[in-house]
Structures are given as structure tokens and as C-alpha cells.
Protein backbone atom coordinates (compact mmCIF):
# COMPACT_ATOMS: atom_id res chain seq x y z
CA MET A 1 -36.81 -12.28 -2.96
CA GLY A 2 -35.02 -15.66 -1.80
CA LEU A 3 -36.56 -17.72 -4.24
CA LEU A 4 -34.62 -21.03 -5.73
CA ASP A 5 -33.67 -20.26 -8.94
CA GLN A 6 -32.04 -24.05 -9.77
CA THR A 7 -32.71 -27.87 -9.04
CA GLY A 8 -30.47 -29.57 -5.60
CA GLN A 9 -28.58 -31.26 -8.97
CA GLU A 10 -27.53 -28.38 -9.83
CA TYR A 11 -26.73 -26.82 -6.91
CA TYR A 12 -24.59 -29.61 -6.14
CA GLN A 13 -22.56 -29.75 -9.54
CA GLY A 14 -21.63 -26.13 -9.42
CA GLY A 15 -19.59 -24.63 -7.64
CA ASP A 16 -21.46 -21.85 -6.25
CA PHE A 17 -22.04 -22.84 -2.75
CA GLY A 18 -23.91 -21.07 -0.11
CA GLY A 19 -25.13 -18.34 -1.88
CA TYR A 20 -28.81 -18.60 -0.69
CA GLN A 21 -27.91 -16.67 2.53
CA PHE A 22 -27.30 -13.81 0.16
CA ILE A 23 -28.74 -11.10 -1.64
CA SER A 24 -26.89 -9.04 -3.82
CA LEU A 25 -26.66 -5.42 -4.55
CA THR A 26 -28.50 -4.94 -7.35
CA GLU A 27 -31.30 -6.94 -5.71
CA VAL A 28 -31.59 -4.81 -2.65
CA ILE A 29 -31.88 -1.39 -5.14
CA ASN A 30 -34.88 -2.60 -7.30
CA GLN A 31 -36.66 -3.66 -4.75
CA PHE A 32 -36.43 -0.62 -2.83
CA MET A 33 -37.26 1.27 -6.26
CA LEU A 34 -40.06 -1.10 -6.10
CA VAL A 35 -41.90 -1.36 -2.69
CA TYR A 36 -40.38 2.38 -0.87
CA VAL A 37 -40.78 4.49 -3.73
CA GLY A 38 -43.98 5.42 -5.57
CA GLU A 39 -47.39 7.20 -5.20
CA ASP A 40 -48.69 7.05 -1.61
CA LYS A 41 -45.67 5.26 -0.49
CA ILE A 42 -43.38 7.03 2.01
CA ILE A 43 -40.79 8.17 -0.73
CA PRO A 44 -42.75 9.60 -3.65
CA LYS A 45 -40.08 10.31 -5.83
CA ALA A 46 -36.53 9.20 -5.63
CA LYS A 47 -34.16 8.93 -8.19
CA ARG A 48 -32.41 5.60 -9.13
CA ILE A 49 -29.09 7.19 -8.76
CA ASP A 50 -29.57 8.52 -5.60
CA VAL A 51 -31.00 5.34 -4.34
CA ALA A 52 -27.62 3.34 -5.59
CA PHE A 53 -25.49 5.95 -4.31
CA HIS A 54 -27.04 5.67 -0.81
CA ALA A 55 -26.93 1.73 -1.06
CA GLN A 56 -23.26 1.26 -1.62
CA ARG A 57 -23.03 3.38 1.45
CA ALA A 58 -24.47 1.98 3.63
CA LEU A 59 -22.90 -1.00 2.30
CA GLN A 60 -19.52 0.58 3.04
CA GLU A 61 -20.75 1.70 6.83
CA LEU A 62 -22.43 -1.69 7.70
CA SER A 63 -19.01 -3.36 6.50
CA PHE A 64 -17.25 -1.83 8.88
CA ASP A 65 -18.68 -3.39 11.91
CA THR A 66 -22.08 -5.09 11.12
CA PHE A 67 -20.99 -7.46 8.63
CA LYS A 68 -18.89 -10.44 8.37
CA SER A 69 -16.05 -8.49 6.10
CA THR A 70 -13.38 -9.40 7.19
CA ARG A 71 -10.29 -11.01 4.89
CA SER A 72 -7.59 -12.76 5.27
CA HIS A 73 -4.11 -12.73 3.39
CA GLU A 74 -1.56 -14.49 3.95
CA ILE A 75 2.45 -14.52 3.25
CA THR A 76 5.92 -15.61 4.37
CA LEU A 77 7.37 -12.98 5.35
CA PRO A 78 10.66 -11.91 3.41
CA PRO A 79 13.71 -10.42 4.74
CA SER A 80 13.00 -7.09 4.01
CA LEU A 81 10.48 -7.76 7.19
CA GLN A 82 7.61 -5.74 4.82
CA MET A 83 4.25 -6.90 3.69
CA ILE A 84 2.39 -4.56 1.12
CA LEU A 85 -1.02 -3.99 1.91
CA PRO A 86 -4.21 -6.05 0.23
CA GLN A 87 -5.47 -4.09 -2.85
CA ASP A 88 -9.19 -3.70 -1.21
CA TYR A 89 -7.65 -2.92 2.26
CA VAL A 90 -9.32 -0.74 4.90
CA ASN A 91 -8.32 -1.54 8.03
CA TYR A 92 -6.96 -4.64 9.98
CA THR A 93 -8.56 -6.66 12.52
CA LYS A 94 -5.23 -8.10 13.75
CA VAL A 95 -2.10 -9.71 12.43
CA SER A 96 -0.62 -12.78 13.43
CA TRP A 97 1.81 -15.48 12.50
CA VAL A 98 0.95 -19.40 12.25
CA ASP A 99 3.47 -22.08 13.78
CA SER A 100 3.91 -25.40 12.59
CA ALA A 101 0.46 -26.80 14.11
CA GLY A 102 -1.55 -23.91 12.03
CA ILE A 103 -2.19 -22.19 15.57
CA LYS A 104 -2.22 -17.92 15.12
CA HIS A 105 -0.22 -16.12 17.19
CA LEU A 106 -1.51 -12.76 17.59
CA LEU A 107 1.20 -9.52 17.04
CA TYR A 108 0.72 -6.34 18.58
CA PRO A 109 1.40 -2.87 17.11
CA ALA A 110 4.42 -1.23 17.48
CA SER A 111 2.77 1.89 18.92
CA LYS A 112 6.41 3.77 19.77
CA THR A 113 7.59 3.29 16.44
CA SER A 114 7.32 5.19 12.58
CA ASN A 115 8.96 5.43 9.74
CA PRO A 116 8.91 9.06 8.96
CA THR A 117 10.69 10.37 5.40
CA ASN A 118 13.87 10.93 5.31
CA PRO A 119 14.77 13.97 3.10
CA LEU A 120 18.13 14.44 2.02
CA GLN A 121 20.41 16.72 4.18
CA ASP A 122 23.89 18.94 3.35
CA THR A 123 26.61 19.41 6.01
CA SER A 124 24.71 22.18 7.57
CA GLY A 125 21.52 20.61 8.09
CA ASP A 126 19.37 22.34 5.13
CA PHE A 127 17.48 20.06 3.36
CA GLU A 128 19.14 20.71 -0.05
CA LEU A 129 21.35 19.21 -2.84
CA ASN A 130 24.79 21.40 -3.26
CA ALA A 131 27.41 20.84 -5.16
CA ILE A 132 30.32 23.05 -6.39
CA GLY A 133 30.71 23.25 -10.14
CA THR A 134 33.20 24.70 -12.65
CA LEU A 135 31.34 26.63 -15.64
CA VAL A 136 32.77 28.23 -19.01
CA ASP A 137 31.33 30.67 -20.60
CA ALA A 138 28.70 29.98 -23.42
CA SER A 139 28.86 26.04 -22.52
CA GLU A 140 26.40 23.84 -20.78
CA LEU A 141 28.74 21.39 -19.44
CA ILE A 142 29.59 21.71 -15.59
CA VAL A 143 32.38 19.88 -13.72
CA LEU A 144 31.45 18.98 -10.40
CA ASP A 145 33.86 18.63 -7.15
CA GLY A 146 32.95 15.31 -6.48
CA GLU A 147 30.46 12.53 -7.32
CA TYR A 148 26.86 12.91 -7.21
CA GLY A 149 24.87 9.61 -8.11
CA ASN A 150 21.83 11.68 -6.53
CA ILE A 151 22.09 14.09 -9.14
CA GLN A 152 19.00 12.90 -11.46
CA VAL A 153 18.25 13.82 -15.78
CA GLY A 154 15.50 16.25 -15.31
CA MET A 155 16.15 17.81 -12.00
CA PHE A 156 16.55 22.22 -12.06
CA VAL A 157 19.84 23.43 -11.58
CA SER A 158 19.93 27.07 -10.09
CA ALA A 159 23.10 29.67 -9.73
CA PRO A 160 23.49 33.13 -10.40
CA ASN A 161 24.81 32.57 -14.02
CA ILE A 162 22.80 29.87 -14.86
CA ASP A 163 19.26 30.38 -16.63
CA LEU A 164 16.12 30.12 -15.23
CA PHE A 165 14.44 26.64 -15.11
CA SER A 166 17.65 25.46 -16.65
CA THR A 167 17.32 21.54 -16.10
CA VAL A 168 19.86 18.68 -15.85
CA VAL A 169 20.31 16.92 -19.73
CA ALA A 170 22.65 14.54 -18.89
CA THR A 171 25.23 13.18 -16.62
CA SER A 172 28.77 11.59 -16.23
CA ASN A 173 31.06 10.12 -14.13
CA THR A 174 34.72 9.48 -14.61
CA GLY A 175 37.72 9.47 -11.72
CA GLY A 176 35.20 9.91 -9.26
CA ILE A 177 34.06 13.27 -10.81
CA THR A 178 30.22 13.68 -12.06
CA THR A 179 30.21 16.14 -14.85
CA ILE A 180 26.47 17.25 -15.79
CA GLU A 181 25.15 18.87 -18.94
CA ILE A 182 22.43 21.34 -18.30
CA SER A 183 19.52 22.70 -20.54
CA ASN A 184 20.99 26.42 -21.45
CA PRO A 185 24.46 27.37 -21.50
CA VAL A 186 26.01 29.40 -18.71
CA THR A 187 27.26 33.32 -18.43
CA TYR A 188 30.32 32.61 -16.68
CA THR A 189 33.70 31.30 -16.23
CA GLY A 190 34.65 30.26 -12.61
CA THR A 191 33.49 28.32 -9.83
CA GLU A 192 29.56 28.75 -8.61
CA THR A 193 27.30 26.73 -5.84
CA LEU A 194 24.80 25.24 -7.64
CA LEU A 195 22.02 24.16 -6.06
CA PHE A 196 19.66 20.85 -7.77
CA THR A 197 15.96 20.40 -6.53
CA PRO A 198 13.34 17.52 -8.63
CA GLU A 199 11.16 18.53 -11.23
CA ASP A 200 8.50 18.56 -8.68
CA ASP A 201 9.72 21.33 -6.37
CA SER A 202 9.63 18.52 -3.71
CA LEU A 203 12.30 17.74 -1.77
CA ILE A 204 15.38 15.08 -2.17
CA LEU A 205 14.29 12.25 -0.24
CA GLU A 206 18.05 10.07 0.57
CA GLU A 207 18.60 6.73 -1.66
CA GLU A 208 19.30 3.86 -0.12
CA SER A 209 22.11 4.05 -2.69
CA THR A 210 23.32 4.71 -6.54
CA PHE A 211 25.17 2.96 -8.77
CA ILE A 212 26.84 3.90 -12.56
CA LEU A 213 27.05 1.25 -14.76
CA GLU A 214 29.20 1.72 -17.33
CA ASN A 215 30.18 0.10 -21.18
CA VAL A 216 26.43 -0.28 -22.04
CA THR A 217 24.71 -0.40 -24.86
CA TRP A 218 21.02 0.03 -26.25
CA ALA A 219 18.84 0.17 -29.40
CA ALA A 220 16.40 2.93 -30.11
CA ASN A 221 12.65 2.50 -29.20
CA GLU A 222 13.72 -0.63 -26.79
CA ASP A 223 13.40 -0.68 -23.18
CA LYS A 224 16.81 -3.24 -22.68
CA ILE A 225 20.16 -2.01 -21.75
CA THR A 226 23.13 -4.62 -22.24
CA GLN A 227 26.23 -4.40 -20.32
CA ALA A 228 29.27 -6.32 -22.37
CA PRO A 229 31.08 -7.66 -20.25
CA ASN A 230 29.02 -8.43 -17.72
CA THR A 231 30.69 -7.22 -14.59
CA ASP A 232 28.06 -5.19 -12.22
CA VAL A 233 24.75 -5.85 -13.61
CA SER A 234 24.60 -8.03 -10.03
CA ASN A 235 24.31 -4.29 -8.41
CA ILE A 236 21.25 -3.59 -10.32
CA THR A 237 18.03 -4.21 -8.94
CA VAL A 238 14.10 -3.81 -9.42
CA GLY A 239 12.85 -0.38 -8.27
CA MET A 240 15.49 1.48 -9.72
CA LEU A 241 15.36 5.12 -10.96
CA VAL A 242 17.00 4.97 -14.89
CA SER A 243 18.77 8.89 -14.68
CA HIS A 244 20.49 9.21 -18.60
CA GLU A 245 18.88 11.89 -21.29
CA ASP A 246 17.96 8.86 -23.83
CA PHE A 247 15.29 7.56 -21.28
CA PRO A 248 12.26 9.58 -20.34
CA ILE A 249 11.99 10.84 -16.47
CA GLY A 250 10.97 8.44 -13.95
CA THR A 251 11.60 5.20 -16.13
CA THR A 252 12.46 2.26 -13.80
CA VAL A 253 14.16 -1.26 -13.86
CA ILE A 254 11.65 -3.54 -13.87
CA ASP A 255 13.20 -6.42 -14.98
CA VAL A 256 17.24 -8.09 -14.56
CA ASN A 257 18.44 -10.91 -16.61
CA GLY A 258 21.88 -11.92 -16.92
CA ALA A 259 23.48 -8.99 -18.59
CA VAL A 260 20.42 -7.52 -19.61
CA ILE A 261 18.51 -4.76 -17.64
CA THR A 262 14.76 -4.22 -18.75
CA THR A 263 13.20 -0.68 -18.33
CA SER A 264 9.34 0.83 -17.84
CA ASN A 265 10.22 2.96 -20.72
CA SER A 266 11.65 2.74 -24.15
CA ALA A 267 14.84 4.75 -25.29
CA THR A 268 14.27 7.15 -27.25
CA ALA A 269 17.91 7.04 -29.01
CA ALA A 270 20.18 4.52 -29.86
CA SER A 271 23.34 4.40 -28.29
CA THR A 272 26.06 1.68 -29.64
CA SER A 273 29.27 2.80 -27.74
CA THR A 274 30.35 1.03 -25.34
CA THR A 275 31.74 3.80 -23.07
CA ASN A 276 28.46 4.82 -22.05
CA GLU A 277 27.15 4.49 -18.40
CA VAL A 278 23.64 4.92 -17.02
CA THR A 279 23.23 5.63 -13.32
CA PHE A 280 20.93 4.15 -11.62
CA ILE A 281 19.61 5.52 -8.20
CA SER A 282 17.77 3.04 -5.70
CA THR A 283 14.13 3.61 -3.50
CA PRO A 284 14.19 6.09 -1.28
CA LYS A 285 16.33 4.96 2.11
CA ASP A 286 14.55 3.90 5.10
CA SER A 287 14.74 6.09 7.95
CA ASP A 288 16.86 5.67 10.43
CA THR A 289 14.03 5.18 12.85
CA TRP A 290 13.01 1.77 10.94
CA SER A 291 16.02 0.38 10.23
CA SER A 292 17.16 0.21 14.14
CA TYR A 293 13.36 -0.80 14.72
CA LYS A 294 13.87 -3.63 12.35
CA SER A 295 17.54 -4.86 13.57
CA ALA A 296 16.83 -4.77 16.54
CA LYS A 297 15.85 -7.91 18.48
CA PRO A 298 12.23 -7.92 20.51
CA ASN A 299 12.96 -8.38 24.37
CA GLN A 300 11.43 -12.02 25.03
CA VAL A 301 12.10 -12.15 28.90
CA HIS A 302 10.36 -9.35 30.25
CA HIS A 303 8.73 -11.15 32.89
CA HIS A 304 12.17 -12.10 34.15
CA ASP A 305 13.27 -8.61 34.42
CA HIS A 306 12.67 -8.56 38.20
CA LEU A 307 15.21 -11.32 38.82
CA HIS A 308 18.26 -9.50 37.15
CA PRO A 309 17.95 -6.10 38.49
CA HIS A 310 21.33 -6.05 37.48
CA HIS A 311 21.24 -5.46 33.52
CA ASN A 312 20.59 -2.07 32.22
CA HIS A 313 17.01 -1.90 30.74
CA ASP A 314 18.11 1.68 28.74
CA HIS A 315 20.02 0.04 26.73
CA GLY A 316 19.38 -2.96 24.12
CA ASN A 317 15.18 -3.59 24.99
CA MET A 318 13.14 -2.03 22.48
CA PHE A 319 10.18 -1.64 24.65
CA ASN A 320 12.15 -0.42 28.03
CA SER A 321 10.55 -2.07 30.94
CA ARG A 322 13.05 -0.98 33.49
CA TYR A 323 10.23 0.46 35.65
CA GLY A 324 7.42 -2.17 34.83
CA LEU A 325 6.01 -4.81 32.69
CA ASP A 326 3.84 -3.18 29.93
CA PRO A 327 1.24 -5.70 29.11
CA GLN A 328 0.71 -4.36 25.34
CA HIS A 329 4.68 -5.60 25.31
CA ALA A 330 4.09 -9.01 27.61
CA GLN A 331 4.58 -11.75 24.51
CA ALA A 332 7.35 -12.76 22.52
CA ASN A 333 5.29 -13.21 19.43
CA GLY A 334 6.91 -9.96 17.75
CA SER A 335 5.21 -6.96 16.34
CA PHE A 336 4.45 -4.73 13.66
CA TYR A 337 3.58 -1.32 12.44
CA ILE A 338 1.82 -0.27 9.37
CA ASP A 339 2.89 2.39 7.04
CA ASN A 340 0.34 4.12 5.06
CA THR A 341 2.24 6.30 3.49
CA THR A 342 4.03 3.52 1.43
CA GLY A 343 1.37 1.13 2.19
CA LYS A 344 2.92 -1.46 3.96
CA ILE A 345 3.55 -3.34 7.09
CA HIS A 346 6.89 -3.42 9.07
CA PHE A 347 7.47 -6.36 11.04
CA SER A 348 9.90 -6.94 14.43
CA SER A 349 13.17 -9.03 13.01
CA ASN A 350 12.06 -12.03 14.19
CA LEU A 351 9.34 -12.59 12.53
CA SER A 352 11.57 -12.91 8.91
CA GLY A 353 10.51 -16.34 7.10
CA LYS A 354 7.67 -17.29 9.47
CA THR A 355 3.50 -17.15 7.62
CA VAL A 356 1.96 -14.32 8.83
CA ILE A 357 -1.73 -13.94 8.33
CA LEU A 358 -3.28 -10.19 8.06
CA ASP A 359 -7.17 -10.39 8.95
CA TYR A 360 -8.50 -7.11 7.40
CA ILE A 361 -11.76 -5.15 6.52
CA SER A 362 -13.05 -4.23 3.38
CA ASP A 363 -15.76 -1.64 2.12
CA GLY A 364 -17.41 -4.08 0.42
CA LEU A 365 -17.47 -2.23 -3.02
CA ALA A 366 -14.25 -3.64 -4.04
CA GLN A 367 -14.49 -4.80 -7.56
CA GLN A 368 -12.52 -7.53 -8.03
CA ILE A 369 -10.99 -7.28 -12.19
CA ILE A 370 -10.23 -11.12 -13.31
CA PRO A 371 -8.30 -11.36 -16.27
CA ILE A 372 -9.48 -13.60 -19.10
CA ARG A 373 -6.37 -15.51 -20.68
CA PRO A 374 -7.11 -16.74 -24.26
CA ARG A 375 -6.83 -20.21 -25.09
CA ILE A 376 -3.51 -21.74 -26.59
CA GLY A 377 -3.01 -20.65 -30.15
CA GLY A 378 -5.68 -17.49 -29.57
CA LEU A 379 -4.60 -14.11 -29.50
CA ALA A 380 -1.81 -12.98 -27.40
CA GLU A 381 -3.37 -10.10 -25.94
CA ILE A 382 -5.22 -10.46 -22.47
CA THR A 383 -8.45 -8.85 -21.69
CA TYR A 384 -9.99 -8.09 -18.24
CA ASP A 385 -14.01 -9.03 -16.94
CA THR A 386 -15.36 -6.62 -14.64
CA ASN A 387 -18.91 -7.65 -15.50
CA GLY A 388 -18.91 -10.48 -13.37
CA PHE A 389 -18.76 -8.64 -9.47
CA GLU A 390 -21.78 -8.21 -7.59
CA PRO A 391 -21.50 -6.85 -3.92
CA LEU A 392 -23.43 -9.01 -1.55
CA ILE A 393 -25.53 -8.66 1.28
CA HIS A 394 -26.35 -11.40 4.02
CA LYS A 395 -29.89 -12.05 4.09
CA PHE A 396 -29.66 -10.56 7.88
CA ALA A 397 -28.72 -7.41 7.16
CA GLU A 398 -31.62 -7.07 4.14
CA GLU A 399 -33.90 -4.67 6.33
CA ALA A 400 -31.04 -3.27 7.58
CA MET A 401 -30.04 -1.67 3.93
CA TYR A 402 -33.68 -1.02 3.24
CA LYS A 403 -33.76 0.90 6.21
CA TRP A 404 -31.09 3.15 5.71
CA ILE A 405 -31.44 4.15 2.20
CA SER A 406 -35.18 5.36 2.97
CA HIS A 407 -33.37 7.51 6.28
CA ALA A 408 -30.47 8.72 4.10
CA ILE A 409 -32.90 9.43 1.21
CA LEU A 410 -35.65 11.10 3.36
CA SER A 411 -33.10 13.38 5.50
CA GLY A 412 -31.49 14.87 1.97
CA LYS A 413 -34.67 16.00 0.67
CA ALA A 414 -36.56 19.35 1.25
CA ASN A 415 -39.82 20.23 3.25
CA ILE A 416 -39.71 16.58 5.37
CA PRO A 417 -41.08 16.68 8.44
CA GLU A 418 -38.19 16.48 10.79
CA TYR A 419 -40.42 13.84 12.68
CA GLN A 420 -40.39 11.60 9.41
CA VAL A 421 -37.10 11.52 9.20
CA ASN A 422 -36.41 10.47 12.73
CA ARG A 423 -38.87 7.71 12.78
CA PHE A 424 -36.72 6.39 9.99
CA LYS A 425 -33.40 6.79 11.75
CA LYS A 426 -34.68 4.92 14.66
CA GLU A 427 -36.00 2.35 12.40
CA ARG A 428 -32.59 2.59 10.70
CA PHE A 429 -30.79 2.14 14.23
CA ALA A 430 -33.05 -0.86 15.54
CA ALA A 431 -33.00 -2.82 12.46
CA VAL A 432 -28.51 -2.45 12.56
CA ARG A 433 -29.09 -3.54 15.82
CA THR A 434 -30.85 -6.17 14.81
CA ALA A 435 -29.16 -7.33 11.74
CA LYS A 436 -25.27 -7.53 14.23
CA LEU A 437 -26.99 -9.15 16.74
CA ARG A 438 -27.97 -12.37 14.24
CA LEU A 439 -24.63 -12.03 12.63
CA SER A 440 -22.85 -12.19 15.49
CA ASN A 441 -24.27 -16.08 15.44
CA ILE A 442 -24.21 -16.76 19.41
CA LYS A 443 -25.41 -20.20 20.12
CA LEU A 444 -26.48 -21.72 22.81
CA GLU A 445 -24.59 -24.94 23.07
CA GLU A 446 -21.69 -23.34 22.50
CA LEU A 447 -21.58 -20.62 24.85
CA THR A 448 -22.46 -23.08 27.55
CA GLN A 449 -19.38 -25.57 26.48
CA ILE A 450 -17.11 -22.39 27.01
CA LEU A 451 -18.13 -20.96 30.42
CA ARG A 452 -18.37 -24.82 31.30
CA GLY A 453 -14.48 -24.14 31.92
CA LYS A 454 -14.96 -21.23 34.06
CA SER A 455 -15.35 -21.04 37.73
CA LYS A 456 -19.44 -21.49 37.81
CA GLN A 457 -20.77 -25.25 36.86
CA ILE A 458 -23.23 -24.69 34.24
CA LYS A 459 -26.01 -27.20 33.70
CA HIS A 460 -27.26 -27.42 30.38
């Protein structure tokens, strides 16, 4: 209830400064059960689990537009022009870049672009991966008519003379020709068109690149692939998919160090032959839309367009200002696009290398998991502590929490008079409005100082 539990000396020597302005979610639940629930009270009976649920929902809803729940995330934008959304991200309030003086420059969303999926298409435009294969009766080996780096171990293979549900168990490449081994022998000698589909029957996305690494070895139950001599490992990057029968489906590259590649899964069998090869497949290729957007230079002379009527604005202008100035693009700061499918923010090319800040909203319930590392000489295992986290509510909004929980519980009960539910609905609305006004933190002196720069003279 706001009682101080430490002396002034203890407070100033501690690290939890300013904590008196908040109350924990557990305290709100406890005090609601004590004051609002019971005999001769407005809520005669309520389960604590129901109160806890509605308290968390209230915290989420109030966090979106009432509480000061904005958080910030700062990065130096890499050449990829991409920023991963924070772990507890719900929505953004603003995105900006920071100059050498520490001043934010607001960025605007690019509403006229996107990053759609880029499924693989054949020459006919169909979303299929086809290849002509030479079959030999009773054999599991099929020689294809070219090199197909995007054929992965585990894919289903379909053809008139191949058993249903046959899968690719191995691939090899020699002289620009791919040879596959499938799980069942074929029943025909000759050539047929083979159709390859992923194991989850989804569309095959076009990869950025594939690379076949030769002369590599690995040991059983180990996660290292080594090339000797090291001639091509530099072509392998973290995140690439490993396609080989000795590695579980879905294995990816997690580290590249010299001639050694570390994978996310261990090999199921050893291979010491120097003629071994492994196919590495990159992440899905960026869409043409996103590639064009990030390579284009933002127009930085919108306000000069009327001075240069001879310019052809249908080309080289990513925002097309030929027919007038668009206010949302009348700035040279740059722009961004949020791809919620991949959980990344894409930025325009002029922001590469700049310090970018994302101000975003969380729901107040994201639990922070703190790793506890052992001291020197202790065990090497890292454990995690989740008990120290407690959602906090500002005391200006404490009453709004109680009214919100009361209305939610009463509206969900049977045989509650409608007038009573409406009463608490009005009280909830009033309490939320009061909390919003209080948390807006408007100070008369500060407002007066701002208005002094306007046309009207303000005396104070």
C-alpha cells in the first residue's frame, strides 16, 4: 500500500531508484482479493486465477495507450539494412536515426513497398522444381540433366515410375551434373521428369545462393565439417542449410572459423573420404521488391522538383513526385518498412552505418530471463533465473487496474444485473481517463514556456 520498507540510507546505497512510484502486479491482485472480493462485497466470490488473468489483460490493454510503456532499442545499421525486432516488441511508436549531436531524425514508413515471399518458378511460371532424370531399373541412383543445388536431402520425389513417398537421401555433383540417391529403387530404365517438393509440402522459396563444398570430412557424433586444404570455406556463411545424408534434415551452419564449419546438429555417421562433398543452401532470396527498394537512393530534393521540370520523375525517383509534393516523403531522413513475417525492419540505403533507434511498445508482461553464470572454478553450465521479474504498475493507474478487473469479472458472471455491469463500465472508463491524464505529465510551467514561442504573448 505504499509503505516505505527501507531507510533513506538503504535507498541511496541501493540500486532500485524511483521504485516507490510503482506497485507490483502481485500486490494489485492481493489487494483486490482482500478489498473487492468476499461476503457483503460487490463481488461475493472470485477465483484468484480469474483475478490474475483479468489483471494481466488489464496490464496489457493499459500498456498500449495509457502507461508509459515505450521502450527503446539502438543499433548501428549493418550493410544488410535490416534490424531484428526486439523480443518483447508489440508495435512501434517511432523510428529514427541519430546524428553526431545525439539528435533524433524521424524516419517515415515506406507504405508503397513490401517484402513478399519469392517462391521458385520454372520456365513456365509454375511454382515447381522439376528436373529430367535418367533412371536405371532397380537402382536408387538418378542422374539429372544439370546441376541442381537447391535439391535438398529429405525432399519428396515424384515420377510415374518412382514409388510414392520416395525421398532424396543423398546428392552429389560432378562436372555440373547432379546425381541423387532416393529411398526406393525405380521401376524403369529411361528418362522421366521428376518433381521435387519439400517434406512439409510447402512452396520452395528461391534461395540467395547454393554452394557445393568438396574435399570435406567429419566425424560421427560431432558437429564439425573440415575442408583440407581450405579453398572454398569462405563461401559458406552462418545460417546456411546443410544438405547431406549424414546430417539431420534442417541442420544449419552456426559458425565458420578458418577451414572448420560448425553445424547445429552432429553428424550421424563418420566420413573420412577426401572426395566427400556437402551442399550448402543459403536463406531464401530477398524478393525483387525489397532488393529494388534497398538499392534505390531516396529522393532528397522533393522541394526542388518545380525548379527542374525537364527531369523525368518516372525513372530514378522511388517516391514519384511528378504530380506534386507528398508530405510523408518531404524529408531526406530516409524510410523503413517492417516485415512482420520475418520479424525484421528494412531501411533505405542512405541509413547504412548510421545509429538507428526503435521506440516501441511492449505489453508489460514480457518476462526477462536472466542468465546466471557460475563463478570462476564453478560448473560450466549456465542456469536461468525467472523469479526476479515482476510487472510494475504506476500508482497513478492503480485505481484503473481495480476498476478494470472488477468490470471484467462482473461482466463474465451469470445473473449479474445489467445496471451493475454498466456502473462498473463507467467507473472503469473514468478511472482509465484519469490515469491517462495523470500519466500525461503536463506541467503548467513547461507548457507556458513552449507557448511563449508562439504568436500569442503568454504572461506567467
